[in-house]
N, C-alpha and C. Protein backbone atom coordinates (compact mmCIF):
# COMPACT_ATOMS: atom_id res chain seq x y z
N MET A 1 0.65 -0.91 -0.07
CA MET A 1 -0.09 -0.56 -0.18
C MET A 1 0.98 1.17 0.00
N GLU A 2 0.56 2.01 -0.79
CA GLU A 2 1.75 3.26 -1.16
C GLU A 2 1.01 3.94 -0.12
N HIS A 3 1.60 5.00 0.57
CA HIS A 3 1.54 6.12 1.15
C HIS A 3 0.92 7.60 0.72
N GLU A 4 0.49 8.88 0.51
CA GLU A 4 0.83 9.80 -0.19
C GLU A 4 1.44 10.51 0.70
N SER A 5 2.50 11.56 0.37
CA SER A 5 3.26 12.20 1.56
C SER A 5 2.80 13.82 1.58
N HIS A 6 2.32 14.32 1.83
CA HIS A 6 2.20 15.60 2.14
C HIS A 6 2.92 16.54 2.47
N HIS A 7 2.79 18.44 1.69
CA HIS A 7 4.17 18.81 2.10
C HIS A 7 3.71 19.61 2.49
N HIS A 8 3.54 20.81 3.05
CA HIS A 8 2.84 21.59 4.13
C HIS A 8 3.41 23.37 3.48
N HIS A 9 3.02 24.19 2.49
CA HIS A 9 4.30 24.71 2.78
C HIS A 9 3.65 26.33 2.73
N PRO A 10 4.68 27.54 3.57
CA PRO A 10 3.39 28.84 3.49
C PRO A 10 2.32 29.45 2.71
N HIS A 11 1.64 29.66 3.27
CA HIS A 11 0.43 30.06 2.18
C HIS A 11 1.69 31.57 1.49
N GLY A 12 1.05 32.02 0.50
CA GLY A 12 1.49 32.85 -0.24
C GLY A 12 0.44 33.46 -0.79
N THR A 13 0.59 35.02 -1.19
CA THR A 13 -0.71 35.62 -1.72
C THR A 13 -0.87 35.09 -3.29
N GLY A 14 -0.11 34.47 -4.20
CA GLY A 14 0.31 34.14 -5.07
C GLY A 14 0.30 35.04 -6.25
N VAL A 15 1.11 35.61 -5.98
CA VAL A 15 1.50 37.18 -6.67
C VAL A 15 2.76 37.13 -6.34
N ARG A 16 3.55 36.45 -6.75
CA ARG A 16 5.12 36.61 -6.57
C ARG A 16 5.42 37.80 -6.36
N TRP A 17 5.75 38.55 -6.71
CA TRP A 17 6.33 40.55 -5.94
C TRP A 17 5.83 40.12 -5.00
N LEU A 18 4.25 40.58 -4.71
CA LEU A 18 3.90 40.73 -3.22
C LEU A 18 4.41 39.74 -2.10
N ASP A 19 4.99 38.66 -2.79
CA ASP A 19 5.02 37.70 -2.11
C ASP A 19 6.78 37.88 -1.61
N VAL A 20 7.53 38.61 -2.24
CA VAL A 20 9.04 38.68 -2.15
C VAL A 20 9.25 39.89 -1.05
N ILE A 21 8.32 40.69 -1.56
CA ILE A 21 8.10 42.03 -0.72
C ILE A 21 7.39 41.53 0.68
N LEU A 22 6.67 41.20 1.22
CA LEU A 22 6.22 40.49 2.40
C LEU A 22 7.15 39.95 3.20
N GLY A 23 8.39 38.45 1.92
CA GLY A 23 8.78 37.93 2.50
C GLY A 23 10.26 38.76 3.38
N VAL A 24 10.68 40.29 2.62
CA VAL A 24 11.68 41.10 3.29
C VAL A 24 11.75 41.97 3.85
N ALA A 25 10.50 42.11 4.01
CA ALA A 25 9.65 42.53 5.21
C ALA A 25 9.71 41.95 6.63
N ALA A 26 9.24 41.09 6.69
CA ALA A 26 9.63 40.24 7.72
C ALA A 26 11.02 39.88 7.97
N THR A 27 11.28 40.36 7.37
CA THR A 27 13.12 39.98 7.89
C THR A 27 13.61 41.06 8.40
N ILE A 28 13.08 42.10 7.48
CA ILE A 28 13.37 43.68 7.88
C ILE A 28 12.54 43.44 9.51
N VAL A 29 11.70 42.88 10.05
CA VAL A 29 10.95 43.16 11.24
C VAL A 29 11.83 42.25 12.26
N SER A 30 11.78 41.25 11.76
CA SER A 30 12.74 40.42 12.41
C SER A 30 14.23 40.93 12.81
N LEU A 31 15.15 41.78 12.57
CA LEU A 31 15.99 42.13 12.40
C LEU A 31 15.85 43.66 13.64
N VAL A 32 14.93 44.43 13.06
CA VAL A 32 14.74 46.06 13.92
C VAL A 32 14.68 45.14 15.77
N SER A 33 13.63 43.95 15.61
CA SER A 33 13.24 44.05 16.22
C SER A 33 14.83 43.13 17.54
N LEU A 34 14.74 42.44 16.29
CA LEU A 34 16.74 41.76 17.27
C LEU A 34 17.44 42.76 18.13
N TRP A 35 17.55 43.89 17.36
CA TRP A 35 18.54 45.51 17.02
C TRP A 35 17.74 46.14 18.52
N LEU A 36 16.52 46.03 18.61
CA LEU A 36 15.76 47.61 19.26
C LEU A 36 16.36 46.09 21.48
N GLY A 37 15.69 45.04 21.08
CA GLY A 37 16.29 44.07 22.23
C GLY A 37 17.68 44.18 22.80
N LEU A 38 18.36 43.84 21.51
CA LEU A 38 19.84 44.32 22.53
C LEU A 38 20.09 45.17 23.07
N HIS A 39 19.99 46.44 22.31
CA HIS A 39 19.89 48.23 22.49
C HIS A 39 19.60 48.13 23.92
N SER A 40 18.02 47.11 24.18
CA SER A 40 17.37 47.68 24.96
C SER A 40 18.55 47.04 26.54
N ALA A 41 19.24 46.22 25.87
CA ALA A 41 19.20 45.15 27.31
C ALA A 41 21.14 46.03 27.65
N HIS A 42 21.67 47.08 26.49
CA HIS A 42 22.76 47.82 26.63
C HIS A 42 22.49 49.25 27.32
N SER A 43 21.47 49.15 27.09
CA SER A 43 20.88 50.39 27.72
C SER A 43 20.85 50.40 29.07
N MET A 44 20.54 48.58 29.70
CA MET A 44 19.36 48.74 30.93
C MET A 44 21.23 48.88 31.09
N GLU A 45 22.27 48.04 31.40
CA GLU A 45 23.62 48.01 31.58
C GLU A 45 23.66 49.96 32.06
N LYS A 46 24.22 50.18 31.15
CA LYS A 46 24.02 51.70 31.08
C LYS A 46 24.18 52.06 32.34
N LEU A 47 22.38 52.40 32.48
CA LEU A 47 21.49 52.75 33.36
C LEU A 47 22.25 52.14 35.04
N VAL A 48 22.00 50.85 34.86
CA VAL A 48 22.35 50.13 36.33
C VAL A 48 23.79 50.89 36.72
N ALA A 49 24.46 50.80 35.97
CA ALA A 49 26.55 51.77 36.17
C ALA A 49 26.26 53.14 36.10
N ALA A 50 25.40 53.76 35.82
CA ALA A 50 25.27 55.02 35.63
C ALA A 50 24.83 55.17 37.29
N ASN A 51 23.56 54.14 37.91
CA ASN A 51 23.19 54.53 38.80
C ASN A 51 24.72 54.50 40.18
N SER A 52 25.38 53.41 39.66
CA SER A 52 26.10 53.07 41.06
C SER A 52 27.76 53.26 40.75
N TYR A 53 27.64 55.14 39.93
CA TYR A 53 28.69 55.52 39.48
C TYR A 53 29.15 56.38 40.97
N PRO A 54 30.86 55.94 41.41
CA PRO A 54 31.51 56.29 42.18
C PRO A 54 31.86 57.85 41.27
N TYR A 55 32.45 58.60 42.41
CA TYR A 55 32.98 59.97 42.18
C TYR A 55 33.90 60.46 43.34
N LEU A 56 35.06 59.70 43.16
CA LEU A 56 36.32 60.18 44.34
C LEU A 56 36.35 61.49 44.51
N GLU A 57 36.71 62.13 45.70
CA GLU A 57 37.40 63.57 45.15
C GLU A 57 38.51 62.89 46.36
N LEU A 58 39.67 63.98 46.02
CA LEU A 58 40.82 63.74 47.31
C LEU A 58 40.95 65.37 47.54
N MET A 59 40.42 65.31 49.34
CA MET A 59 40.13 66.35 49.90
C MET A 59 41.67 66.71 51.25
N ARG A 60 41.65 68.07 51.42
CA ARG A 60 42.82 68.16 52.01
C ARG A 60 42.38 69.01 53.11
N SER A 61 42.85 69.75 54.16
CA SER A 61 42.35 70.57 55.11
C SER A 61 42.89 70.91 55.89
N ASN A 62 43.71 72.02 56.32
CA ASN A 62 44.90 73.14 57.13
C ASN A 62 43.97 73.50 58.78
N MET A 63 42.79 73.38 58.28
CA MET A 63 42.36 74.10 59.65
C MET A 63 41.13 73.99 59.77
N SER A 64 40.64 73.33 61.62
CA SER A 64 39.81 72.71 61.79
C SER A 64 38.48 73.77 61.92
N ALA A 65 36.82 73.76 62.27
CA ALA A 65 36.49 74.37 62.55
C ALA A 65 35.96 74.44 64.26
N THR A 66 37.18 73.35 65.03
CA THR A 66 37.12 73.79 65.66
C THR A 66 38.32 74.83 66.78
N PRO A 67 37.50 75.71 67.31
CA PRO A 67 38.29 77.17 67.89
C PRO A 67 39.42 76.15 69.20
N LEU A 68 40.71 77.14 68.66
CA LEU A 68 42.04 76.39 69.42
C LEU A 68 41.42 76.86 71.10
N PRO A 69 41.45 76.08 72.32
CA PRO A 69 41.43 75.88 73.17
C PRO A 69 42.39 77.83 74.49
N GLY A 70 41.28 78.40 74.38
CA GLY A 70 41.93 79.62 75.07
C GLY A 70 42.90 80.97 74.17
N THR A 71 42.06 80.55 72.47
CA THR A 71 42.36 81.41 71.74
C THR A 71 41.04 81.60 71.09
N ASP A 72 41.58 82.60 70.02
CA ASP A 72 40.31 83.39 69.22
C ASP A 72 41.24 82.70 67.88
N ARG A 73 40.98 81.87 67.63
CA ARG A 73 41.20 81.71 66.51
C ARG A 73 40.55 80.07 66.15
N HIS A 74 40.52 79.70 64.86
CA HIS A 74 39.76 78.03 64.54
C HIS A 74 41.41 77.14 64.93
N GLN A 75 41.12 75.60 65.39
CA GLN A 75 42.39 74.68 64.70
C GLN A 75 43.14 74.90 64.16
N TYR A 76 44.79 74.58 64.03
CA TYR A 76 45.02 74.24 62.43
C TYR A 76 45.16 72.67 62.78
N GLN A 77 45.02 71.83 61.54
CA GLN A 77 44.99 70.40 61.27
C GLN A 77 45.83 70.26 60.42
N VAL A 78 46.43 68.91 60.47
CA VAL A 78 46.96 68.84 58.83
C VAL A 78 45.74 67.14 59.22
N LYS A 79 45.23 67.08 57.23
CA LYS A 79 43.72 65.90 57.10
C LYS A 79 44.16 66.02 55.37
N TYR A 80 44.34 64.27 55.84
CA TYR A 80 44.01 64.29 53.75
C TYR A 80 42.97 63.01 53.68
N GLU A 81 42.05 63.11 53.19
CA GLU A 81 40.75 62.30 53.05
C GLU A 81 40.51 61.66 52.08
N LEU A 82 39.66 61.40 51.54
CA LEU A 82 39.00 60.64 49.81
C LEU A 82 37.32 60.41 50.07
N VAL A 83 36.69 61.74 49.61
CA VAL A 83 35.64 61.93 50.28
C VAL A 83 34.49 60.64 48.38
N ASN A 84 33.59 60.05 48.38
CA ASN A 84 33.49 59.57 47.61
C ASN A 84 31.53 60.33 47.39
N ASN A 85 31.68 61.61 46.53
CA ASN A 85 30.90 62.18 46.06
C ASN A 85 29.40 61.77 45.23
N GLY A 86 29.84 60.40 44.90
CA GLY A 86 28.56 59.44 43.79
C GLY A 86 28.05 58.83 44.06
N ILE A 87 27.26 58.15 43.83
CA ILE A 87 25.97 57.34 43.71
C ILE A 87 26.06 55.52 43.86
N GLY A 88 26.97 55.33 43.96
CA GLY A 88 27.66 54.22 43.95
C GLY A 88 28.57 54.07 44.88
N PRO A 89 28.46 52.95 46.01
CA PRO A 89 30.54 52.82 46.27
C PRO A 89 31.57 52.88 45.44
N ALA A 90 33.20 53.29 45.95
CA ALA A 90 34.38 52.84 45.02
C ALA A 90 34.91 52.15 46.52
N ARG A 91 35.29 51.23 46.14
CA ARG A 91 36.58 50.16 46.23
C ARG A 91 38.15 51.23 45.79
N ILE A 92 39.02 51.91 47.17
CA ILE A 92 40.19 52.26 47.15
C ILE A 92 41.34 50.59 46.03
N GLU A 93 41.97 51.04 44.81
CA GLU A 93 42.75 50.26 44.56
C GLU A 93 44.61 50.54 45.38
N TRP A 94 43.83 51.71 44.63
CA TRP A 94 45.94 52.92 45.72
C TRP A 94 45.74 54.26 45.78
N VAL A 95 46.79 54.21 46.72
CA VAL A 95 47.13 55.76 46.88
C VAL A 95 48.46 55.97 46.96
N GLU A 96 48.92 56.84 45.51
CA GLU A 96 50.24 57.54 45.59
C GLU A 96 49.48 59.18 46.25
N LEU A 97 51.42 59.04 47.56
CA LEU A 97 51.67 60.20 47.50
C LEU A 97 52.96 61.16 47.63
N LYS A 98 53.03 62.22 47.17
CA LYS A 98 54.48 62.46 46.89
C LYS A 98 54.56 64.00 48.10
N PHE A 99 55.81 63.74 48.28
CA PHE A 99 56.80 65.27 48.77
C PHE A 99 57.53 66.35 47.93
N LYS A 100 56.98 66.96 47.51
CA LYS A 100 58.38 67.46 46.68
C LYS A 100 58.17 67.11 45.44
N GLY A 101 57.26 66.24 44.94
CA GLY A 101 57.74 65.59 43.35
C GLY A 101 57.80 64.09 43.21
N LYS A 102 58.54 63.88 45.28
CA LYS A 102 59.03 62.32 45.37
C LYS A 102 58.02 61.33 46.23
N PRO A 103 58.06 60.63 45.44
CA PRO A 103 57.20 59.52 45.59
C PRO A 103 57.24 58.47 47.63
N MET A 104 56.22 58.38 48.59
CA MET A 104 56.09 58.10 49.90
C MET A 104 55.79 57.13 50.04
N ARG A 105 56.50 56.00 50.56
CA ARG A 105 56.03 54.87 50.90
C ARG A 105 54.89 54.46 52.48
N ASN A 106 55.37 55.30 52.99
CA ASN A 106 54.29 55.95 54.25
C ASN A 106 54.22 57.48 55.10
N LEU A 107 54.05 57.42 55.84
CA LEU A 107 53.49 58.82 56.86
C LEU A 107 55.62 58.30 57.31
N SER A 108 56.31 57.70 58.07
CA SER A 108 57.25 57.67 58.29
C SER A 108 58.67 58.34 57.37
N GLU A 109 58.09 57.66 56.08
CA GLU A 109 59.20 58.34 54.90
C GLU A 109 58.71 60.24 54.44
N LEU A 110 57.27 60.00 54.88
CA LEU A 110 57.02 61.78 54.66
C LEU A 110 57.54 62.77 55.60
N LEU A 111 57.54 61.97 57.62
CA LEU A 111 57.91 62.81 58.04
C LEU A 111 59.97 62.56 58.17
N ASP A 112 59.84 61.15 58.32
CA ASP A 112 62.05 61.87 57.70
C ASP A 112 61.84 62.78 56.64
N ALA A 113 61.27 63.31 55.44
CA ALA A 113 61.78 63.88 54.01
C ALA A 113 60.98 65.72 54.94
N CYS A 114 60.25 65.55 55.01
CA CYS A 114 59.66 66.99 56.19
C CYS A 114 60.15 67.92 57.34
N CYS A 115 60.58 66.76 58.10
CA CYS A 115 60.71 67.19 59.67
C CYS A 115 61.56 66.47 59.85
N LYS A 116 62.80 66.41 59.47
CA LYS A 116 63.90 66.09 60.27
C LYS A 116 64.31 66.24 61.40
N GLY A 117 64.64 64.90 62.35
CA GLY A 117 64.64 64.44 63.95
C GLY A 117 63.52 64.44 64.10
N TRP A 118 62.32 63.98 64.01
CA TRP A 118 61.43 63.50 64.67
C TRP A 118 60.93 62.33 65.14
N GLN A 119 60.27 62.28 66.08
CA GLN A 119 60.51 61.28 67.01
C GLN A 119 58.93 60.50 67.52
N GLY A 120 58.89 59.17 67.30
CA GLY A 120 57.04 58.54 68.09
C GLY A 120 56.08 59.43 68.56
N ASP A 121 56.92 59.80 69.86
CA ASP A 121 56.46 60.51 70.84
C ASP A 121 55.96 61.87 70.08
N ASP A 122 56.71 62.57 69.04
CA ASP A 122 55.33 63.47 68.72
C ASP A 122 54.39 63.17 67.59
N VAL A 123 54.53 62.15 67.07
CA VAL A 123 53.17 61.62 66.22
C VAL A 123 51.88 61.05 67.24
N ASN A 124 52.22 61.10 68.00
CA ASN A 124 51.17 59.95 69.16
C ASN A 124 49.88 59.99 69.35
N GLN A 125 49.42 61.98 68.13
CA GLN A 125 48.00 62.44 68.47
C GLN A 125 47.59 62.22 67.50
N MET A 126 48.41 62.02 66.21
CA MET A 126 48.19 61.81 65.13
C MET A 126 47.14 60.90 64.55
N ASP A 127 45.96 60.64 63.84
CA ASP A 127 44.76 59.83 63.73
C ASP A 127 46.02 58.71 62.29
N THR A 128 46.17 57.66 62.42
CA THR A 128 46.15 56.73 60.96
C THR A 128 45.42 55.85 60.50
N ARG A 129 44.78 56.13 59.60
CA ARG A 129 44.46 54.91 58.85
C ARG A 129 44.79 52.91 58.90
N GLY A 130 46.35 53.45 58.60
CA GLY A 130 46.60 51.67 58.36
C GLY A 130 46.85 51.61 56.78
N GLY A 131 46.00 50.99 56.35
CA GLY A 131 45.55 50.18 54.93
C GLY A 131 44.90 50.78 54.57
N ILE A 132 45.30 51.52 53.40
CA ILE A 132 43.82 51.88 52.58
C ILE A 132 43.36 50.86 51.63
N ASP A 133 43.91 49.89 50.73
CA ASP A 133 44.10 50.03 49.80
C ASP A 133 42.68 48.27 49.88
N GLY A 134 41.68 48.77 49.37
CA GLY A 134 40.96 47.81 49.14
C GLY A 134 39.84 48.40 50.35
N SER A 135 40.10 49.56 50.54
CA SER A 135 39.11 50.25 51.34
C SER A 135 37.86 50.33 50.77
N LEU A 136 36.36 50.31 50.99
CA LEU A 136 35.82 51.01 50.46
C LEU A 136 34.65 51.72 50.57
N VAL A 137 34.60 53.20 50.20
CA VAL A 137 33.81 54.25 51.02
C VAL A 137 32.79 53.94 49.85
N ARG A 138 31.61 53.92 50.96
CA ARG A 138 29.74 54.32 50.61
C ARG A 138 29.78 55.12 49.64
N ALA A 139 28.73 55.53 48.82
CA ALA A 139 28.26 56.63 48.60
C ALA A 139 28.34 58.07 49.70
N GLY A 140 28.56 58.63 49.76
CA GLY A 140 28.31 59.98 50.40
C GLY A 140 29.21 59.87 51.70
N GLY A 141 30.01 58.45 51.27
CA GLY A 141 31.49 58.66 52.31
C GLY A 141 32.54 59.36 52.59
N GLU A 142 33.26 58.90 53.63
CA GLU A 142 35.05 59.46 53.24
C GLU A 142 35.51 58.37 54.52
N VAL A 143 36.75 58.28 53.79
CA VAL A 143 37.33 57.25 54.73
C VAL A 143 38.91 58.54 54.42
N ALA A 144 39.49 58.70 56.18
CA ALA A 144 41.08 60.04 56.21
C ALA A 144 42.21 58.73 56.18
N MET A 145 42.33 59.10 55.68
CA MET A 145 43.94 58.36 55.56
C MET A 145 44.85 58.77 56.48
N PHE A 146 44.91 60.06 57.30
CA PHE A 146 45.40 60.61 58.16
C PHE A 146 44.93 61.98 58.67
N THR A 147 44.82 62.23 60.28
CA THR A 147 44.64 63.58 60.48
C THR A 147 45.32 63.43 61.63
N TRP A 148 45.78 64.95 62.28
CA TRP A 148 46.76 65.50 63.07
C TRP A 148 46.03 66.88 62.90
N ALA A 149 45.43 66.84 64.50
CA ALA A 149 44.52 68.84 65.35
C ALA A 149 46.33 68.93 65.51
N GLU A 150 45.63 70.81 65.77
CA GLU A 150 47.34 71.18 66.43
C GLU A 150 47.59 70.73 67.93
N PRO A 151 48.43 70.15 68.66
CA PRO A 151 48.51 69.84 69.64
C PRO A 151 47.75 71.43 70.48
N ALA A 152 47.80 70.72 71.49
CA ALA A 152 47.83 72.38 73.18
C ALA A 152 49.10 72.95 73.02
N THR A 153 50.15 72.00 73.13
CA THR A 153 51.15 72.26 73.31
C THR A 153 52.01 72.65 72.32
N SER A 154 52.99 73.43 71.94
CA SER A 154 53.60 73.56 70.48
C SER A 154 54.12 72.69 69.97
N SER A 155 53.99 72.31 68.69
CA SER A 155 55.30 71.11 68.59
C SER A 155 55.94 71.29 66.94
N PRO A 156 56.80 71.27 66.79
CA PRO A 156 57.68 71.86 65.54
C PRO A 156 57.59 70.59 64.74
N VAL A 157 56.95 69.62 65.03
CA VAL A 157 56.95 69.04 64.06
C VAL A 157 55.84 68.92 63.40
N PHE A 158 54.66 68.76 64.36
CA PHE A 158 53.65 69.70 63.75
C PHE A 158 52.86 71.00 62.48
N VAL A 159 54.17 71.67 62.91
CA VAL A 159 54.27 73.08 62.76
C VAL A 159 55.21 72.94 61.38
N ALA A 160 56.48 71.88 60.76
CA ALA A 160 56.79 72.05 60.12
C ALA A 160 55.76 71.47 58.55
N LEU A 161 55.16 70.57 59.17
CA LEU A 161 54.33 69.48 58.15
C LEU A 161 53.50 70.46 58.07
N HIS A 162 52.47 71.22 58.66
CA HIS A 162 51.11 71.92 58.67
C HIS A 162 52.28 72.92 56.75
N ARG A 163 53.01 73.21 57.85
CA ARG A 163 53.20 74.81 56.75
C ARG A 163 53.83 74.09 55.09
N GLN A 164 53.68 72.99 54.97
CA GLN A 164 54.90 72.37 54.14
C GLN A 164 53.41 71.35 53.68
N MET A 165 52.37 71.65 53.75
CA MET A 165 51.14 70.81 53.11
C MET A 165 50.74 71.29 51.52
N ASP A 166 51.64 72.01 51.09
CA ASP A 166 50.91 72.50 49.44
C ASP A 166 52.10 71.67 48.75
N GLN A 167 53.35 70.93 49.57
CA GLN A 167 54.40 70.59 48.64
C GLN A 167 53.77 69.06 48.52
N ILE A 168 53.07 68.33 49.29
CA ILE A 168 52.02 67.68 49.54
C ILE A 168 51.00 66.81 48.09
N ALA A 169 51.95 65.73 47.01
CA ALA A 169 50.46 65.94 46.44
C ALA A 169 50.20 64.53 46.40
N TYR A 170 48.72 63.89 46.36
CA TYR A 170 48.73 62.37 45.97
C TYR A 170 47.10 62.43 44.94
N SER A 171 47.22 60.73 44.73
CA SER A 171 46.37 60.70 43.21
C SER A 171 45.65 58.76 43.24
N ALA A 172 44.28 58.67 43.27
CA ALA A 172 44.04 57.85 43.68
C ALA A 172 43.34 57.08 42.47
N CYS A 173 43.45 55.87 42.40
CA CYS A 173 42.89 54.39 41.44
C CYS A 173 41.69 54.14 42.61
N TYR A 174 40.17 53.98 41.71
CA TYR A 174 39.36 53.51 42.64
C TYR A 174 38.36 52.36 41.42
N CYS A 175 37.33 51.31 42.30
CA CYS A 175 36.73 51.05 40.97
C CYS A 175 35.06 50.96 41.64
N SER A 176 34.50 50.79 40.44
CA SER A 176 32.83 51.12 41.51
C SER A 176 32.48 48.77 41.25
N VAL A 177 31.03 48.70 41.66
CA VAL A 177 31.47 47.56 42.49
C VAL A 177 30.74 46.96 40.38
N PHE A 178 30.57 47.34 39.74
CA PHE A 178 30.68 46.28 38.67
C PHE A 178 32.20 46.75 37.97
N ASP A 179 33.70 46.98 38.83
CA ASP A 179 34.94 46.97 38.11
C ASP A 179 34.94 48.26 37.15
N GLU A 180 34.60 49.03 36.79
CA GLU A 180 34.73 50.42 36.15
C GLU A 180 35.65 51.30 37.53
N CYS A 181 37.54 51.15 36.50
CA CYS A 181 37.69 52.04 37.08
C CYS A 181 38.10 53.67 36.64
N TYR A 182 39.00 53.48 37.67
CA TYR A 182 39.20 55.34 37.47
C TYR A 182 40.13 55.55 38.31
N LEU A 183 40.68 56.55 37.87
CA LEU A 183 41.90 57.52 38.15
C LEU A 183 41.71 59.04 38.43
N ARG A 184 42.42 58.63 40.02
CA ARG A 184 41.64 60.46 39.97
C ARG A 184 43.36 61.21 40.55
N THR A 185 43.27 62.32 40.43
CA THR A 185 45.03 62.56 40.72
C THR A 185 44.37 64.63 41.19
N GLU A 186 44.64 65.30 42.09
CA GLU A 186 44.45 66.64 42.10
C GLU A 186 44.26 67.84 41.40
N ASP A 187 45.01 67.36 39.90
CA ASP A 187 44.98 67.99 38.67
C ASP A 187 44.09 68.31 38.08
N ASP A 188 43.35 67.33 37.56
CA ASP A 188 42.23 66.66 37.08
C ASP A 188 40.70 67.31 37.30
N ALA A 189 40.20 67.86 37.02
CA ALA A 189 38.51 68.56 36.65
C ALA A 189 37.98 66.94 37.41
N LYS A 190 38.11 66.25 36.72
CA LYS A 190 37.01 64.51 37.10
C LYS A 190 38.15 63.79 37.14
N PRO A 191 36.93 62.86 37.34
CA PRO A 191 37.92 60.88 37.12
C PRO A 191 38.08 60.41 35.59
N GLN A 192 39.12 60.06 36.25
CA GLN A 192 39.31 59.73 34.45
C GLN A 192 39.32 58.38 34.04
N PRO A 193 38.36 57.47 33.16
CA PRO A 193 38.57 56.24 33.67
C PRO A 193 39.51 55.64 32.39
N VAL A 194 39.98 54.66 33.14
CA VAL A 194 41.14 53.77 32.77
C VAL A 194 40.80 52.15 32.94
N ARG A 195 40.90 51.45 32.26
CA ARG A 195 41.28 49.91 32.33
C ARG A 195 41.05 49.36 33.44
N GLN A 196 42.35 49.10 34.20
CA GLN A 196 42.38 48.70 34.81
C GLN A 196 43.26 49.76 36.33
N CYS A 197 43.49 49.19 37.19
CA CYS A 197 44.45 50.31 38.18
C CYS A 197 45.75 49.68 38.72
N THR A 198 46.13 50.09 37.46
CA THR A 198 47.73 48.93 37.91
C THR A 198 48.72 50.30 38.89
N ALA A 199 49.09 49.51 39.84
CA ALA A 199 49.75 50.18 40.85
C ALA A 199 50.73 50.92 40.40
N PRO A 200 51.12 51.40 40.51
CA PRO A 200 52.44 52.83 41.18
C PRO A 200 53.47 52.01 41.69
N ALA A 201 54.42 52.47 41.38
CA ALA A 201 56.11 51.61 41.65
C ALA A 201 55.75 51.58 43.03
N VAL A 202 55.65 52.79 43.84
CA VAL A 202 55.61 53.06 45.40
C VAL A 202 54.29 53.45 45.93
N PRO A 203 53.52 52.99 45.86
CA PRO A 203 52.38 52.61 46.46
C PRO A 203 52.04 53.48 48.36
N PHE A 204 51.04 54.16 48.59
CA PHE A 204 51.32 55.15 49.59
C PHE A 204 50.49 54.17 50.57
N GLN A 205 51.39 54.53 52.17
CA GLN A 205 49.79 53.24 53.20
C GLN A 205 50.52 54.20 54.48
N PRO A 206 48.75 54.72 55.52
CA PRO A 206 49.09 55.85 55.76
C PRO A 206 49.40 55.08 57.05
N SER A 207 50.75 54.61 57.88
CA SER A 207 51.15 53.88 58.65
C SER A 207 52.82 54.56 58.83
N PHE A 208 53.38 54.04 59.83
CA PHE A 208 54.47 54.44 60.63
C PHE A 208 54.97 53.37 60.62
N ASN A 209 56.06 53.81 60.53
CA ASN A 209 57.48 51.77 60.62
C ASN A 209 58.88 52.27 61.04
N LYS A 210 58.42 53.18 61.77
CA LYS A 210 59.54 54.03 63.01
C LYS A 210 59.32 53.82 64.49
N SER A 211 60.20 52.93 64.66
CA SER A 211 60.51 52.33 65.78
C SER A 211 60.74 53.58 67.28
């Protein structure tokens, strides 16, 4: 017994040129739909990244809002901090600090360079961060690398450091939660996007190594 096989063909209009136009139109619609889908996904990625954008600022302060006891002036201070004025957290990859153009490894090297003959007891009142690499600064948050308020009794080391604050420059590289990285220096008007945060030859750590 023989069985007949039936092949189903797409229904056409019967008009060849019209069938061709309809086929081309269907292909174009499919391609446009695919493009719109990809564009929408890309736009959504950009929107999510924009809503997580960190904006790190390098701040320094040489005077506090606290009046010096027994005087009518505000208290001097030496303060270096990183402030995140963005809308997403910033992960600090590294900080580089230079004194008169020379990179400093830590606070000991900085004080050796600016304030000869300093001793450990001279800086007991300085607040230091210790490690800075890997620190996460939330949106609207800040992290102070080191802060030194003017001592009640005169300190030649503090005076020397405070006087030379304009000789200290620092930069930082940080990334967003999506690993989009930025380099920030005091000379830039805004952070510069970079592919990755390649550490400098001499990264800075706000800590002491002098006994």
